[in-house]
Amino acid sequence: MQEINGDKLRGHLETLILSTLEQGEAHGLEIVKRLDAAGSGILKLKEGSLYPALYRLDQAGLVKGKWEGESTGRRGARRRLYRLTRKGKKQLAQGRQDWMDFVTVMNHLLGAPA
């Protein structure tokens, strides 16, 4: 199967991120690892796509970020942990329904079985 990159995920990336956070809070690298594992290595997400999406989700109140670790002056000592909010859970349910509706329409248009 062909690798899926961020461009092909546009419009669905936020729902995928929310679904990974349903498993529990995580920092950015952990989110990437979860998506990679769930997609059997086919899904390739870069930080340049992930962090702007996390920022948008945080600003919308769908996730809540908090800093973890001590600031020691070393790069990478602190990282931001994200968790799914109640509002995020509702949005995830809506995102799943939107995806199912999209797949149904595409299958109908392309002649694939529904």
PDB file of N, CA and C in Angstrom:
ATOM      1  N   MET A   1       0.844  -1.172   0.000  1.00  0.00           N
ATOM      2  CA  MET A   1       0.000   0.000   0.000  1.00  0.00           C
ATOM      3  C   MET A   1       0.894   1.241   0.000  1.00  0.00           C
ATOM      4  N   GLN A   2       0.452   2.287  -0.682  1.00  0.00           N
ATOM      5  CA  GLN A   2       1.226   3.514  -0.808  1.00  0.00           C
ATOM      6  C   GLN A   2       1.228   4.301   0.505  1.00  0.00           C
ATOM      7  N   GLU A   3       2.354   4.937   0.787  1.00  0.00           N
ATOM      8  CA  GLU A   3       2.499   5.765   1.975  1.00  0.00           C
ATOM      9  C   GLU A   3       1.509   6.929   1.934  1.00  0.00           C
ATOM     10  N   ILE A   4       0.936   7.248   3.075  1.00  0.00           N
ATOM     11  CA  ILE A   4      -0.007   8.360   3.187  1.00  0.00           C
ATOM     12  C   ILE A   4       0.687   9.483   3.942  1.00  0.00           C
ATOM     13  N   ASN A   5       0.813  10.652   3.290  1.00  0.00           N
ATOM     14  CA  ASN A   5       1.474  11.783   3.939  1.00  0.00           C
ATOM     15  C   ASN A   5       0.451  12.827   4.373  1.00  0.00           C
ATOM     16  N   GLY A   6       0.955  13.900   4.973  1.00  0.00           N
ATOM     17  CA  GLY A   6       0.099  14.950   5.513  1.00  0.00           C
ATOM     18  C   GLY A   6      -0.820  15.592   4.503  1.00  0.00           C
ATOM     19  N   ASP A   7      -0.378  15.723   3.245  1.00  0.00           N
ATOM     20  CA  ASP A   7      -1.223  16.343   2.225  1.00  0.00           C
ATOM     21  C   ASP A   7      -2.508  15.550   2.006  1.00  0.00           C
ATOM     22  N   LYS A   8      -2.410  14.236   2.035  1.00  0.00           N
ATOM     23  CA  LYS A   8      -3.587  13.391   1.821  1.00  0.00           C
ATOM     24  C   LYS A   8      -4.508  13.374   3.043  1.00  0.00           C
ATOM     25  N   LEU A   9      -3.983  13.811   4.167  1.00  0.00           N
ATOM     26  CA  LEU A   9      -4.763  13.799   5.402  1.00  0.00           C
ATOM     27  C   LEU A   9      -5.490  15.108   5.653  1.00  0.00           C
ATOM     28  N   ARG A  10      -5.191  16.104   4.842  1.00  0.00           N
ATOM     29  CA  ARG A  10      -5.773  17.425   5.067  1.00  0.00           C
ATOM     30  C   ARG A  10      -7.288  17.307   5.247  1.00  0.00           C
ATOM     31  N   GLY A  11      -7.783  17.928   6.301  1.00  0.00           N
ATOM     32  CA  GLY A  11      -9.204  17.861   6.608  1.00  0.00           C
ATOM     33  C   GLY A  11      -9.556  16.747   7.584  1.00  0.00           C
ATOM     34  N   HIS A  12      -8.648  15.801   7.772  1.00  0.00           N
ATOM     35  CA  HIS A  12      -8.917  14.678   8.674  1.00  0.00           C
ATOM     36  C   HIS A  12      -7.856  14.554   9.770  1.00  0.00           C
ATOM     37  N   LEU A  13      -6.802  15.335   9.656  1.00  0.00           N
ATOM     38  CA  LEU A  13      -5.696  15.232  10.604  1.00  0.00           C
ATOM     39  C   LEU A  13      -6.150  15.481  12.038  1.00  0.00           C
ATOM     40  N   GLU A  14      -6.972  16.501  12.240  1.00  0.00           N
ATOM     41  CA  GLU A  14      -7.419  16.808  13.593  1.00  0.00           C
ATOM     42  C   GLU A  14      -8.185  15.636  14.206  1.00  0.00           C
ATOM     43  N   THR A  15      -9.032  14.998  13.418  1.00  0.00           N
ATOM     44  CA  THR A  15      -9.783  13.842  13.922  1.00  0.00           C
ATOM     45  C   THR A  15      -8.837  12.697  14.284  1.00  0.00           C
ATOM     46  N   LEU A  16      -7.810  12.488  13.472  1.00  0.00           N
ATOM     47  CA  LEU A  16      -6.832  11.435  13.777  1.00  0.00           C
ATOM     48  C   LEU A  16      -6.085  11.739  15.072  1.00  0.00           C
ATOM     49  N   ILE A  17      -5.705  12.992  15.260  1.00  0.00           N
ATOM     50  CA  ILE A  17      -5.011  13.381  16.494  1.00  0.00           C
ATOM     51  C   ILE A  17      -5.927  13.170  17.693  1.00  0.00           C
ATOM     52  N   LEU A  18      -7.168  13.618  17.585  1.00  0.00           N
ATOM     53  CA  LEU A  18      -8.119  13.424  18.684  1.00  0.00           C
ATOM     54  C   LEU A  18      -8.281  11.941  19.010  1.00  0.00           C
ATOM     55  N   SER A  19      -8.306  11.102  17.992  1.00  0.00           N
ATOM     56  CA  SER A  19      -8.483   9.663  18.239  1.00  0.00           C
ATOM     57  C   SER A  19      -7.287   9.069  18.974  1.00  0.00           C
ATOM     58  N   THR A  20      -6.078   9.564  18.702  1.00  0.00           N
ATOM     59  CA  THR A  20      -4.915   9.049  19.435  1.00  0.00           C
ATOM     60  C   THR A  20      -4.957   9.492  20.890  1.00  0.00           C
ATOM     61  N   LEU A  21      -5.468  10.691  21.133  1.00  0.00           N
ATOM     62  CA  LEU A  21      -5.537  11.187  22.509  1.00  0.00           C
ATOM     63  C   LEU A  21      -6.661  10.524  23.300  1.00  0.00           C
ATOM     64  N   GLU A  22      -7.555   9.846  22.611  1.00  0.00           N
ATOM     65  CA  GLU A  22      -8.595   9.071  23.288  1.00  0.00           C
ATOM     66  C   GLU A  22      -7.952   7.937  24.104  1.00  0.00           C
ATOM     67  N   GLN A  23      -6.768   7.503  23.693  1.00  0.00           N
ATOM     68  CA  GLN A  23      -6.026   6.443  24.389  1.00  0.00           C
ATOM     69  C   GLN A  23      -5.361   6.955  25.659  1.00  0.00           C
ATOM     70  N   GLY A  24      -5.276   8.269  25.811  1.00  0.00           N
ATOM     71  CA  GLY A  24      -4.623   8.875  26.964  1.00  0.00           C
ATOM     72  C   GLY A  24      -3.744  10.022  26.522  1.00  0.00           C
ATOM     73  N   GLU A  25      -3.339  10.842  27.479  1.00  0.00           N
ATOM     74  CA  GLU A  25      -2.548  12.017  27.132  1.00  0.00           C
ATOM     75  C   GLU A  25      -1.211  11.612  26.514  1.00  0.00           C
ATOM     76  N   ALA A  26      -0.681  12.521  25.696  1.00  0.00           N
ATOM     77  CA  ALA A  26       0.567  12.227  24.991  1.00  0.00           C
ATOM     78  C   ALA A  26       1.219  13.525  24.541  1.00  0.00           C
ATOM     79  N   HIS A  27       2.520  13.464  24.337  1.00  0.00           N
ATOM     80  CA  HIS A  27       3.249  14.587  23.741  1.00  0.00           C
ATOM     81  C   HIS A  27       3.328  14.349  22.236  1.00  0.00           C
ATOM     82  N   GLY A  28       3.816  15.336  21.515  1.00  0.00           N
ATOM     83  CA  GLY A  28       3.812  15.275  20.057  1.00  0.00           C
ATOM     84  C   GLY A  28       4.441  14.025  19.471  1.00  0.00           C
ATOM     85  N   LEU A  29       5.631  13.663  19.932  1.00  0.00           N
ATOM     86  CA  LEU A  29       6.309  12.486  19.388  1.00  0.00           C
ATOM     87  C   LEU A  29       5.504  11.215  19.648  1.00  0.00           C
ATOM     88  N   GLU A  30       4.894  11.131  20.808  1.00  0.00           N
ATOM     89  CA  GLU A  30       4.060   9.961  21.127  1.00  0.00           C
ATOM     90  C   GLU A  30       2.844   9.899  20.207  1.00  0.00           C
ATOM     91  N   ILE A  31       2.266  11.040  19.887  1.00  0.00           N
ATOM     92  CA  ILE A  31       1.129  11.076  18.959  1.00  0.00           C
ATOM     93  C   ILE A  31       1.561  10.542  17.599  1.00  0.00           C
ATOM     94  N   VAL A  32       2.723  10.985  17.126  1.00  0.00           N
ATOM     95  CA  VAL A  32       3.249  10.502  15.840  1.00  0.00           C
ATOM     96  C   VAL A  32       3.453   8.993  15.894  1.00  0.00           C
ATOM     97  N   LYS A  33       4.018   8.491  16.988  1.00  0.00           N
ATOM     98  CA  LYS A  33       4.255   7.047  17.133  1.00  0.00           C
ATOM     99  C   LYS A  33       2.943   6.262  17.142  1.00  0.00           C
ATOM    100  N   ARG A  34       1.943   6.780  17.838  1.00  0.00           N
ATOM    101  CA  ARG A  34       0.645   6.095  17.881  1.00  0.00           C
ATOM    102  C   ARG A  34       0.008   6.038  16.496  1.00  0.00           C
ATOM    103  N   LEU A  35       0.067   7.151  15.778  1.00  0.00           N
ATOM    104  CA  LEU A  35      -0.499   7.172  14.423  1.00  0.00           C
ATOM    105  C   LEU A  35       0.253   6.220  13.506  1.00  0.00           C
ATOM    106  N   ASP A  36       1.577   6.190  13.642  1.00  0.00           N
ATOM    107  CA  ASP A  36       2.395   5.300  12.821  1.00  0.00           C
ATOM    108  C   ASP A  36       2.038   3.839  13.105  1.00  0.00           C
ATOM    109  N   ALA A  37       1.906   3.508  14.388  1.00  0.00           N
ATOM    110  CA  ALA A  37       1.569   2.129  14.764  1.00  0.00           C
ATOM    111  C   ALA A  37       0.162   1.755  14.290  1.00  0.00           C
ATOM    112  N   ALA A  38      -0.791   2.657  14.472  1.00  0.00           N
ATOM    113  CA  ALA A  38      -2.170   2.374  14.059  1.00  0.00           C
ATOM    114  C   ALA A  38      -2.278   2.222  12.552  1.00  0.00           C
ATOM    115  N   GLY A  39      -1.437   2.944  11.821  1.00  0.00           N
ATOM    116  CA  GLY A  39      -1.459   2.876  10.360  1.00  0.00           C
ATOM    117  C   GLY A  39      -0.476   1.880   9.796  1.00  0.00           C
ATOM    118  N   SER A  40       0.086   1.023  10.636  1.00  0.00           N
ATOM    119  CA  SER A  40       1.053  -0.004  10.219  1.00  0.00           C
ATOM    120  C   SER A  40       2.204   0.581   9.410  1.00  0.00           C
ATOM    121  N   GLY A  41       2.638   1.781   9.777  1.00  0.00           N
ATOM    122  CA  GLY A  41       3.779   2.407   9.116  1.00  0.00           C
ATOM    123  C   GLY A  41       3.452   3.096   7.806  1.00  0.00           C
ATOM    124  N   ILE A  42       2.205   3.045   7.377  1.00  0.00           N
ATOM    125  CA  ILE A  42       1.810   3.660   6.104  1.00  0.00           C
ATOM    126  C   ILE A  42       1.603   5.162   6.266  1.00  0.00           C
ATOM    127  N   LEU A  43       1.141   5.561   7.432  1.00  0.00           N
ATOM    128  CA  LEU A  43       0.847   6.963   7.704  1.00  0.00           C
ATOM    129  C   LEU A  43       2.124   7.683   8.118  1.00  0.00           C
ATOM    130  N   LYS A  44       2.533   8.671   7.346  1.00  0.00           N
ATOM    131  CA  LYS A  44       3.750   9.424   7.644  1.00  0.00           C
ATOM    132  C   LYS A  44       3.381  10.864   7.956  1.00  0.00           C
ATOM    133  N   LEU A  45       3.489  11.226   9.211  1.00  0.00           N
ATOM    134  CA  LEU A  45       3.137  12.561   9.657  1.00  0.00           C
ATOM    135  C   LEU A  45       4.397  13.282  10.103  1.00  0.00           C
ATOM    136  N   LYS A  46       4.579  14.490   9.624  1.00  0.00           N
ATOM    137  CA  LYS A  46       5.748  15.291   9.980  1.00  0.00           C
ATOM    138  C   LYS A  46       5.361  16.319  11.033  1.00  0.00           C
ATOM    139  N   GLU A  47       6.368  16.751  11.799  1.00  0.00           N
ATOM    140  CA  GLU A  47       6.133  17.742  12.839  1.00  0.00           C
ATOM    141  C   GLU A  47       5.536  19.016  12.269  1.00  0.00           C
ATOM    142  N   GLY A  48       5.905  19.350  11.033  1.00  0.00           N
ATOM    143  CA  GLY A  48       5.396  20.556  10.393  1.00  0.00           C
ATOM    144  C   GLY A  48       3.892  20.527  10.182  1.00  0.00           C
ATOM    145  N   SER A  49       3.305  19.350  10.187  1.00  0.00           N
ATOM    146  CA  SER A  49       1.847  19.209  10.096  1.00  0.00           C
ATOM    147  C   SER A  49       1.227  19.041  11.481  1.00  0.00           C
ATOM    148  N   LEU A  50       1.926  18.308  12.345  1.00  0.00           N
ATOM    149  CA  LEU A  50       1.377  17.971  13.654  1.00  0.00           C
ATOM    150  C   LEU A  50       1.217  19.180  14.563  1.00  0.00           C
ATOM    151  N   TYR A  51       2.281  19.941  14.761  1.00  0.00           N
ATOM    152  CA  TYR A  51       2.238  20.995  15.774  1.00  0.00           C
ATOM    153  C   TYR A  51       1.278  22.127  15.444  1.00  0.00           C
ATOM    154  N   PRO A  52       1.155  22.558  14.194  1.00  0.00           N
ATOM    155  CA  PRO A  52       0.107  23.553  13.900  1.00  0.00           C
ATOM    156  C   PRO A  52      -1.300  23.004  14.175  1.00  0.00           C
ATOM    157  N   ALA A  53      -1.508  21.722  13.885  1.00  0.00           N
ATOM    158  CA  ALA A  53      -2.815  21.104  14.153  1.00  0.00           C
ATOM    159  C   ALA A  53      -3.074  21.041  15.659  1.00  0.00           C
ATOM    160  N   LEU A  54      -2.063  20.668  16.439  1.00  0.00           N
ATOM    161  CA  LEU A  54      -2.219  20.638  17.894  1.00  0.00           C
ATOM    162  C   LEU A  54      -2.528  22.033  18.433  1.00  0.00           C
ATOM    163  N   TYR A  55      -1.876  23.040  17.883  1.00  0.00           N
ATOM    164  CA  TYR A  55      -2.127  24.419  18.303  1.00  0.00           C
ATOM    165  C   TYR A  55      -3.587  24.791  18.025  1.00  0.00           C
ATOM    166  N   ARG A  56      -4.071  24.461  16.825  1.00  0.00           N
ATOM    167  CA  ARG A  56      -5.465  24.766  16.472  1.00  0.00           C
ATOM    168  C   ARG A  56      -6.436  24.034  17.404  1.00  0.00           C
ATOM    169  N   LEU A  57      -6.150  22.778  17.688  1.00  0.00           N
ATOM    170  CA  LEU A  57      -7.009  21.996  18.578  1.00  0.00           C
ATOM    171  C   LEU A  57      -7.014  22.580  19.991  1.00  0.00           C
ATOM    172  N   ASP A  58      -5.851  23.019  20.449  1.00  0.00           N
ATOM    173  CA  ASP A  58      -5.734  23.627  21.774  1.00  0.00           C
ATOM    174  C   ASP A  58      -6.512  24.943  21.820  1.00  0.00           C
ATOM    175  N   GLN A  59      -6.339  25.763  20.804  1.00  0.00           N
ATOM    176  CA  GLN A  59      -7.041  27.049  20.747  1.00  0.00           C
ATOM    177  C   GLN A  59      -8.559  26.862  20.701  1.00  0.00           C
ATOM    178  N   ALA A  60      -9.020  25.802  20.071  1.00  0.00           N
ATOM    179  CA  ALA A  60     -10.455  25.520  19.959  1.00  0.00           C
ATOM    180  C   ALA A  60     -11.018  24.851  21.216  1.00  0.00           C
ATOM    181  N   GLY A  61     -10.148  24.507  22.169  1.00  0.00           N
ATOM    182  CA  GLY A  61     -10.600  23.862  23.395  1.00  0.00           C
ATOM    183  C   GLY A  61     -10.879  22.378  23.245  1.00  0.00           C
ATOM    184  N   LEU A  62     -10.375  21.780  22.158  1.00  0.00           N
ATOM    185  CA  LEU A  62     -10.605  20.352  21.915  1.00  0.00           C
ATOM    186  C   LEU A  62      -9.560  19.483  22.602  1.00  0.00           C
ATOM    187  N   VAL A  63      -8.385  20.051  22.820  1.00  0.00           N
ATOM    188  CA  VAL A  63      -7.338  19.406  23.611  1.00  0.00           C
ATOM    189  C   VAL A  63      -6.831  20.438  24.609  1.00  0.00           C
ATOM    190  N   LYS A  64      -6.193  19.960  25.648  1.00  0.00           N
ATOM    191  CA  LYS A  64      -5.590  20.833  26.645  1.00  0.00           C
ATOM    192  C   LYS A  64      -4.130  20.449  26.755  1.00  0.00           C
ATOM    193  N   GLY A  65      -3.249  21.421  26.540  1.00  0.00           N
ATOM    194  CA  GLY A  65      -1.821  21.164  26.639  1.00  0.00           C
ATOM    195  C   GLY A  65      -1.262  21.668  27.953  1.00  0.00           C
ATOM    196  N   LYS A  66      -0.288  20.947  28.488  1.00  0.00           N
ATOM    197  CA  LYS A  66       0.411  21.400  29.696  1.00  0.00           C
ATOM    198  C   LYS A  66       1.876  21.017  29.562  1.00  0.00           C
ATOM    199  N   TRP A  67       2.735  21.829  30.131  1.00  0.00           N
ATOM    200  CA  TRP A  67       4.170  21.558  30.073  1.00  0.00           C
ATOM    201  C   TRP A  67       4.536  20.512  31.106  1.00  0.00           C
ATOM    202  N   GLU A  68       5.427  19.617  30.713  1.00  0.00           N
ATOM    203  CA  GLU A  68       5.899  18.541  31.578  1.00  0.00           C
ATOM    204  C   GLU A  68       7.413  18.628  31.662  1.00  0.00           C
ATOM    205  N   GLY A  69       7.959  18.358  32.817  1.00  0.00           N
ATOM    206  CA  GLY A  69       9.408  18.305  32.974  1.00  0.00           C
ATOM    207  C   GLY A  69       9.985  19.620  33.450  1.00  0.00           C
ATOM    208  N   GLU A  70      11.211  19.553  33.873  1.00  0.00           N
ATOM    209  CA  GLU A  70      11.924  20.715  34.379  1.00  0.00           C
ATOM    210  C   GLU A  70      12.671  21.409  33.263  1.00  0.00           C
ATOM    211  N   SER A  71      12.749  22.709  33.349  1.00  0.00           N
ATOM    212  CA  SER A  71      13.541  23.475  32.390  1.00  0.00           C
ATOM    213  C   SER A  71      14.974  23.514  32.900  1.00  0.00           C
ATOM    214  N   THR A  72      15.860  22.809  32.231  1.00  0.00           N
ATOM    215  CA  THR A  72      17.255  22.745  32.660  1.00  0.00           C
ATOM    216  C   THR A  72      18.163  23.497  31.712  1.00  0.00           C
ATOM    217  N   GLY A  73      17.575  24.139  30.728  1.00  0.00           N
ATOM    218  CA  GLY A  73      18.389  24.835  29.745  1.00  0.00           C
ATOM    219  C   GLY A  73      18.804  23.932  28.601  1.00  0.00           C
ATOM    220  N   ARG A  74      18.589  22.636  28.747  1.00  0.00           N
ATOM    221  CA  ARG A  74      18.906  21.703  27.666  1.00  0.00           C
ATOM    222  C   ARG A  74      17.733  21.624  26.720  1.00  0.00           C
ATOM    223  N   ARG A  75      18.042  21.474  25.464  1.00  0.00           N
ATOM    224  CA  ARG A  75      16.985  21.338  24.466  1.00  0.00           C
ATOM    225  C   ARG A  75      16.260  20.005  24.677  1.00  0.00           C
ATOM    226  N   GLY A  76      14.950  20.058  24.661  1.00  0.00           N
ATOM    227  CA  GLY A  76      14.153  18.841  24.766  1.00  0.00           C
ATOM    228  C   GLY A  76      13.842  18.402  26.183  1.00  0.00           C
ATOM    229  N   ALA A  77      14.307  19.154  27.193  1.00  0.00           N
ATOM    230  CA  ALA A  77      14.055  18.748  28.567  1.00  0.00           C
ATOM    231  C   ALA A  77      12.582  18.888  28.935  1.00  0.00           C
ATOM    232  N   ARG A  78      11.913  19.893  28.379  1.00  0.00           N
ATOM    233  CA  ARG A  78      10.482  20.089  28.638  1.00  0.00           C
ATOM    234  C   ARG A  78       9.705  19.721  27.386  1.00  0.00           C
ATOM    235  N   ARG A  79       8.551  19.164  27.601  1.00  0.00           N
ATOM    236  CA  ARG A  79       7.696  18.862  26.455  1.00  0.00           C
ATOM    237  C   ARG A  79       6.247  19.108  26.857  1.00  0.00           C
ATOM    238  N   ARG A  80       5.435  19.303  25.853  1.00  0.00           N
ATOM    239  CA  ARG A  80       4.029  19.627  26.084  1.00  0.00           C
ATOM    240  C   ARG A  80       3.192  18.354  25.956  1.00  0.00           C
ATOM    241  N   LEU A  81       2.455  18.064  27.010  1.00  0.00           N
ATOM    242  CA  LEU A  81       1.548  16.915  27.033  1.00  0.00           C
ATOM    243  C   LEU A  81       0.148  17.397  26.682  1.00  0.00           C
ATOM    244  N   TYR A  82      -0.517  16.644  25.830  1.00  0.00           N
ATOM    245  CA  TYR A  82      -1.869  17.002  25.408  1.00  0.00           C
ATOM    246  C   TYR A  82      -2.843  15.936  25.875  1.00  0.00           C
ATOM    247  N   ARG A  83      -4.030  16.392  26.244  1.00  0.00           N
ATOM    248  CA  ARG A  83      -5.104  15.462  26.609  1.00  0.00           C
ATOM    249  C   ARG A  83      -6.385  15.911  25.920  1.00  0.00           C
ATOM    250  N   LEU A  84      -7.263  14.967  25.705  1.00  0.00           N
ATOM    251  CA  LEU A  84      -8.552  15.210  25.071  1.00  0.00           C
ATOM    252  C   LEU A  84      -9.500  15.844  26.093  1.00  0.00           C
ATOM    253  N   THR A  85     -10.197  16.900  25.700  1.00  0.00           N
ATOM    254  CA  THR A  85     -11.184  17.532  26.575  1.00  0.00           C
ATOM    255  C   THR A  85     -12.572  16.950  26.287  1.00  0.00           C
ATOM    256  N   ARG A  86     -13.537  17.312  27.113  1.00  0.00           N
ATOM    257  CA  ARG A  86     -14.920  16.878  26.884  1.00  0.00           C
ATOM    258  C   ARG A  86     -15.401  17.373  25.518  1.00  0.00           C
ATOM    259  N   LYS A  87     -15.084  18.620  25.209  1.00  0.00           N
ATOM    260  CA  LYS A  87     -15.445  19.187  23.905  1.00  0.00           C
ATOM    261  C   LYS A  87     -14.748  18.418  22.779  1.00  0.00           C
ATOM    262  N   GLY A  88     -13.505  18.009  23.024  1.00  0.00           N
ATOM    263  CA  GLY A  88     -12.761  17.229  22.043  1.00  0.00           C
ATOM    264  C   GLY A  88     -13.382  15.863  21.793  1.00  0.00           C
ATOM    265  N   LYS A  89     -13.917  15.246  22.853  1.00  0.00           N
ATOM    266  CA  LYS A  89     -14.584  13.946  22.701  1.00  0.00           C
ATOM    267  C   LYS A  89     -15.820  14.075  21.815  1.00  0.00           C
ATOM    268  N   LYS A  90     -16.559  15.161  21.999  1.00  0.00           N
ATOM    269  CA  LYS A  90     -17.742  15.390  21.158  1.00  0.00           C
ATOM    270  C   LYS A  90     -17.327  15.617  19.709  1.00  0.00           C
ATOM    271  N   GLN A  91     -16.252  16.384  19.516  1.00  0.00           N
ATOM    272  CA  GLN A  91     -15.769  16.649  18.162  1.00  0.00           C
ATOM    273  C   GLN A  91     -15.253  15.372  17.507  1.00  0.00           C
ATOM    274  N   LEU A  92     -14.608  14.513  18.284  1.00  0.00           N
ATOM    275  CA  LEU A  92     -14.127  13.238  17.755  1.00  0.00           C
ATOM    276  C   LEU A  92     -15.302  12.388  17.265  1.00  0.00           C
ATOM    277  N   ALA A  93     -16.369  12.328  18.035  1.00  0.00           N
ATOM    278  CA  ALA A  93     -17.556  11.568  17.611  1.00  0.00           C
ATOM    279  C   ALA A  93     -18.112  12.140  16.310  1.00  0.00           C
ATOM    280  N   GLN A  94     -18.158  13.461  16.206  1.00  0.00           N
ATOM    281  CA  GLN A  94     -18.645  14.096  14.985  1.00  0.00           C
ATOM    282  C   GLN A  94     -17.695  13.827  13.823  1.00  0.00           C
ATOM    283  N   GLY A  95     -16.392  13.877  14.085  1.00  0.00           N
ATOM    284  CA  GLY A  95     -15.406  13.601  13.044  1.00  0.00           C
ATOM    285  C   GLY A  95     -15.512  12.182  12.513  1.00  0.00           C
ATOM    286  N   ARG A  96     -15.770  11.243  13.399  1.00  0.00           N
ATOM    287  CA  ARG A  96     -15.954   9.849  12.971  1.00  0.00           C
ATOM    288  C   ARG A  96     -17.188   9.714  12.082  1.00  0.00           C
ATOM    289  N   GLN A  97     -18.267  10.374  12.476  1.00  0.00           N
ATOM    290  CA  GLN A  97     -19.488  10.317  11.670  1.00  0.00           C
ATOM    291  C   GLN A  97     -19.267  10.982  10.313  1.00  0.00           C
ATOM    292  N   ASP A  98     -18.589  12.124  10.310  1.00  0.00           N
ATOM    293  CA  ASP A  98     -18.285  12.815   9.049  1.00  0.00           C
ATOM    294  C   ASP A  98     -17.474  11.915   8.127  1.00  0.00           C
ATOM    295  N   TRP A  99     -16.502  11.188   8.703  1.00  0.00           N
ATOM    296  CA  TRP A  99     -15.672  10.287   7.901  1.00  0.00           C
ATOM    297  C   TRP A  99     -16.518   9.163   7.300  1.00  0.00           C
ATOM    298  N   MET A 100     -17.392   8.577   8.099  1.00  0.00           N
ATOM    299  CA  MET A 100     -18.243   7.492   7.600  1.00  0.00           C
ATOM    300  C   MET A 100     -19.157   7.992   6.482  1.00  0.00           C
ATOM    301  N   ASP A 101     -19.688   9.193   6.643  1.00  0.00           N
ATOM    302  CA  ASP A 101     -20.527   9.781   5.592  1.00  0.00           C
ATOM    303  C   ASP A 101     -19.721   9.996   4.318  1.00  0.00           C
ATOM    304  N   PHE A 102     -18.494  10.487   4.463  1.00  0.00           N
ATOM    305  CA  PHE A 102     -17.612  10.733   3.320  1.00  0.00           C
ATOM    306  C   PHE A 102     -17.314   9.425   2.584  1.00  0.00           C
ATOM    307  N   VAL A 103     -16.967   8.388   3.334  1.00  0.00           N
ATOM    308  CA  VAL A 103     -16.649   7.089   2.735  1.00  0.00           C
ATOM    309  C   VAL A 103     -17.869   6.528   2.003  1.00  0.00           C
ATOM    310  N   THR A 104     -19.032   6.648   2.591  1.00  0.00           N
ATOM    311  CA  THR A 104     -20.256   6.159   1.950  1.00  0.00           C
ATOM    312  C   THR A 104     -20.490   6.859   0.617  1.00  0.00           C
ATOM    313  N   VAL A 105     -20.361   8.179   0.599  1.00  0.00           N
ATOM    314  CA  VAL A 105     -20.562   8.943  -0.636  1.00  0.00           C
ATOM    315  C   VAL A 105     -19.505   8.579  -1.673  1.00  0.00           C
ATOM    316  N   MET A 106     -18.242   8.491  -1.262  1.00  0.00           N
ATOM    317  CA  MET A 106     -17.168   8.156  -2.203  1.00  0.00           C
ATOM    318  C   MET A 106     -17.363   6.758  -2.779  1.00  0.00           C
ATOM    319  N   ASN A 107     -17.734   5.801  -1.942  1.00  0.00           N
ATOM    320  CA  ASN A 107     -17.995   4.446  -2.434  1.00  0.00           C
ATOM    321  C   ASN A 107     -19.127   4.445  -3.453  1.00  0.00           C
ATOM    322  N   HIS A 108     -20.147   5.215  -3.184  1.00  0.00           N
ATOM    323  CA  HIS A 108     -21.274   5.311  -4.117  1.00  0.00           C
ATOM    324  C   HIS A 108     -20.824   5.939  -5.438  1.00  0.00           C
ATOM    325  N   LEU A 109     -20.078   7.027  -5.352  1.00  0.00           N
ATOM    326  CA  LEU A 109     -19.631   7.720  -6.562  1.00  0.00           C
ATOM    327  C   LEU A 109     -18.641   6.904  -7.382  1.00  0.00           C
ATOM    328  N   LEU A 110     -17.797   6.148  -6.704  1.00  0.00           N
ATOM    329  CA  LEU A 110     -16.766   5.371  -7.395  1.00  0.00           C
ATOM    330  C   LEU A 110     -17.238   3.967  -7.754  1.00  0.00           C
ATOM    331  N   GLY A 111     -18.423   3.622  -7.341  1.00  0.00           N
ATOM    332  CA  GLY A 111     -18.963   2.314  -7.693  1.00  0.00           C
ATOM    333  C   GLY A 111     -18.487   1.189  -6.804  1.00  0.00           C
ATOM    334  N   ALA A 112     -17.855   1.515  -5.676  1.00  0.00           N
ATOM    335  CA  ALA A 112     -17.393   0.480  -4.752  1.00  0.00           C
ATOM    336  C   ALA A 112     -18.553   0.066  -3.848  1.00  0.00           C
ATOM    337  N   PRO A 113     -18.515  -1.154  -3.338  1.00  0.00           N
ATOM    338  CA  PRO A 113     -19.582  -1.587  -2.429  1.00  0.00           C
ATOM    339  C   PRO A 113     -19.564  -0.764  -1.147  1.00  0.00           C
ATOM    340  N   ALA A 114     -20.713  -0.421  -0.638  1.00  0.00           N
ATOM    341  CA  ALA A 114     -20.820   0.398   0.581  1.00  0.00           C
ATOM    342  C   ALA A 114     -20.645  -0.439   1.822  1.00  0.00           C
TER     343      ALA A 114
END
